[in-house]
Protein backbone atom coordinates (compact mmCIF):
# COMPACT_ATOMS: atom_id res chain seq x y z
CA MET A 1 6.79 -1.40 -13.00
CA ASP A 2 3.87 -3.78 -13.08
CA ILE A 3 4.19 -4.87 -9.46
CA LEU A 4 3.08 -1.49 -8.11
CA ASN A 5 0.01 -1.56 -10.36
CA GLU A 6 -0.74 -5.11 -9.21
CA TYR A 7 -0.44 -4.01 -5.59
CA ILE A 8 -2.76 -1.01 -6.08
CA LYS A 9 -5.26 -3.23 -7.91
CA ALA A 10 -5.14 -5.80 -5.07
CA THR A 11 -5.67 -3.03 -2.50
CA ASN A 12 -8.72 -1.78 -4.36
CA THR A 13 -10.37 -5.23 -4.21
CA HIS A 14 -10.88 -4.64 -0.46
CA ASN A 15 -10.02 -8.32 -0.04
CA PHE A 16 -6.92 -8.81 2.08
CA ASP A 17 -6.33 -12.27 0.59
CA GLU A 18 -5.51 -10.49 -2.69
CA VAL A 19 -3.11 -8.09 -0.95
CA LYS A 20 -1.48 -10.89 1.02
CA LYS A 21 -0.49 -12.68 -2.20
CA LEU A 22 1.90 -9.78 -2.85
CA LEU A 23 3.35 -9.47 0.67
CA HIS A 24 6.71 -10.78 1.76
CA PRO A 25 6.49 -12.90 4.96
CA SER A 26 8.60 -10.26 6.75
CA ALA A 27 6.67 -7.24 5.46
CA ILE A 28 6.62 -4.15 7.69
CA TYR A 29 4.29 -1.18 7.23
CA PHE A 30 4.86 2.28 8.68
CA PHE A 31 1.61 4.22 8.87
CA SER A 32 1.41 7.70 10.36
CA ASN A 33 -0.28 6.30 13.48
CA LYS A 34 0.95 2.70 13.67
CA THR A 35 3.68 0.26 12.73
CA CYS A 36 2.51 -3.17 11.53
CA THR A 37 5.04 -5.99 11.69
CA THR A 38 2.92 -9.09 11.00
CA HIS A 39 0.45 -10.03 8.29
CA ASP A 40 -2.27 -10.13 10.96
CA ASP A 41 -1.44 -6.54 12.02
CA ILE A 42 -1.41 -5.42 8.40
CA GLN A 43 -4.70 -7.18 7.69
CA ASP A 44 -6.36 -5.56 10.72
CA TYR A 45 -5.16 -2.14 9.62
CA PHE A 46 -6.37 -2.58 6.03
CA GLU A 47 -9.74 -4.02 7.05
CA ASN A 48 -10.33 -1.23 9.58
CA ALA A 49 -9.55 1.35 6.88
CA TRP A 50 -11.87 -0.36 4.41
CA GLU A 51 -14.61 -0.44 7.05
CA LEU A 52 -14.14 3.25 7.85
CA VAL A 53 -13.85 4.48 4.24
CA LYS A 54 -16.54 2.74 2.24
CA ASN A 55 -15.97 2.14 -1.48
CA GLU A 56 -12.43 3.43 -1.10
CA ASN A 57 -10.40 3.93 -4.25
CA TYR A 58 -6.62 4.16 -3.81
CA GLU A 59 -4.27 5.53 -6.48
CA ALA A 60 -0.55 6.16 -6.94
CA HIS A 61 0.57 9.34 -8.73
CA ASP A 62 3.97 10.78 -9.65
CA VAL A 63 5.69 7.43 -9.19
CA GLN A 64 9.48 7.63 -9.08
CA TRP A 65 11.54 4.45 -9.18
CA LEU A 66 14.57 5.17 -7.00
CA PHE A 67 16.27 1.80 -7.30
CA ILE A 68 15.82 -1.05 -9.74
CA SER A 69 17.81 -4.29 -9.70
CA LYS A 70 17.17 -7.94 -10.44
CA THR A 71 16.16 -8.58 -6.82
CA SER A 72 14.90 -5.27 -5.42
CA LEU A 73 12.76 -2.30 -6.43
CA THR A 74 12.16 0.91 -4.49
CA CYS A 75 9.69 3.62 -5.41
CA THR A 76 8.08 6.72 -4.00
CA TYR A 77 4.75 8.19 -5.00
CA LYS A 78 1.97 10.48 -3.93
CA TYR A 79 -1.13 8.56 -2.98
CA PHE A 80 -4.71 9.65 -3.37
CA TYR A 81 -7.73 8.00 -1.80
CA GLU A 82 -11.42 8.69 -1.98
CA GLY A 83 -14.53 7.08 -0.58
CA TYR A 84 -17.37 7.62 1.86
CA VAL A 85 -17.23 8.05 5.63
CA ASN A 86 -20.62 7.95 7.33
CA GLY A 87 -22.22 8.41 3.91
CA LYS A 88 -20.26 11.57 3.07
CA TYR A 89 -17.64 11.79 0.33
CA THR A 90 -14.07 12.20 1.55
CA SER A 91 -10.65 12.18 -0.05
CA GLY A 92 -7.05 12.63 0.96
CA ARG A 93 -3.46 12.60 -0.20
CA GLY A 94 -0.09 11.65 1.18
CA ARG A 95 3.24 10.21 0.20
CA ALA A 96 4.48 6.64 0.10
CA THR A 97 7.64 4.61 -0.18
CA ASN A 98 7.43 0.97 -1.25
CA VAL A 99 10.20 -1.61 -1.34
CA PHE A 100 9.74 -4.84 -3.30
CA VAL A 101 12.02 -7.88 -3.31
CA LYS A 102 12.11 -10.74 -5.78
CA GLU A 103 11.81 -14.25 -4.41
CA SER A 104 11.24 -17.37 -6.53
CA ASP A 105 10.47 -15.21 -9.58
CA ASP A 106 7.77 -13.28 -7.69
CA TRP A 107 7.95 -9.63 -6.65
CA LEU A 108 6.76 -9.16 -3.06
CA LEU A 109 6.25 -6.02 -1.00
CA ILE A 110 8.55 -6.04 2.01
CA HIS A 111 8.06 -2.46 3.20
CA GLU A 112 5.56 0.36 2.83
CA HIS A 113 5.80 3.74 4.53
CA LEU A 114 2.85 6.12 4.28
CA SER A 115 2.88 9.65 5.65
CA PRO A 116 1.11 12.97 5.18
CA LEU A 117 2.36 15.45 2.60
CA PRO A 118 4.54 18.17 4.12
CA ARG A 119 2.70 21.36 5.00
């Protein structure tokens, strides 16, 4: 589904205005260490991550579309990120669930849940 690729591309711009274009007004994010319930919270979280991990690249692998309808899409995937923290290369992996809803012919992300991979 193109919307997930658009979302990943927007994330990799490191410009929250690009991400925000794809967010539903009621979007909620579950991170492993925080829940973000407003666009301001989400923006702060993204910008802090981009500040911490310089030149971050974010990717989605093994995408599985669990539900597809005319008004809603749900997928899971394994995420991979890489970049530089304090000048040293770092990378990591985890798992994600994204829920998109269609409003006025636009797909918008209404929920994202990121968590570590099981041990």
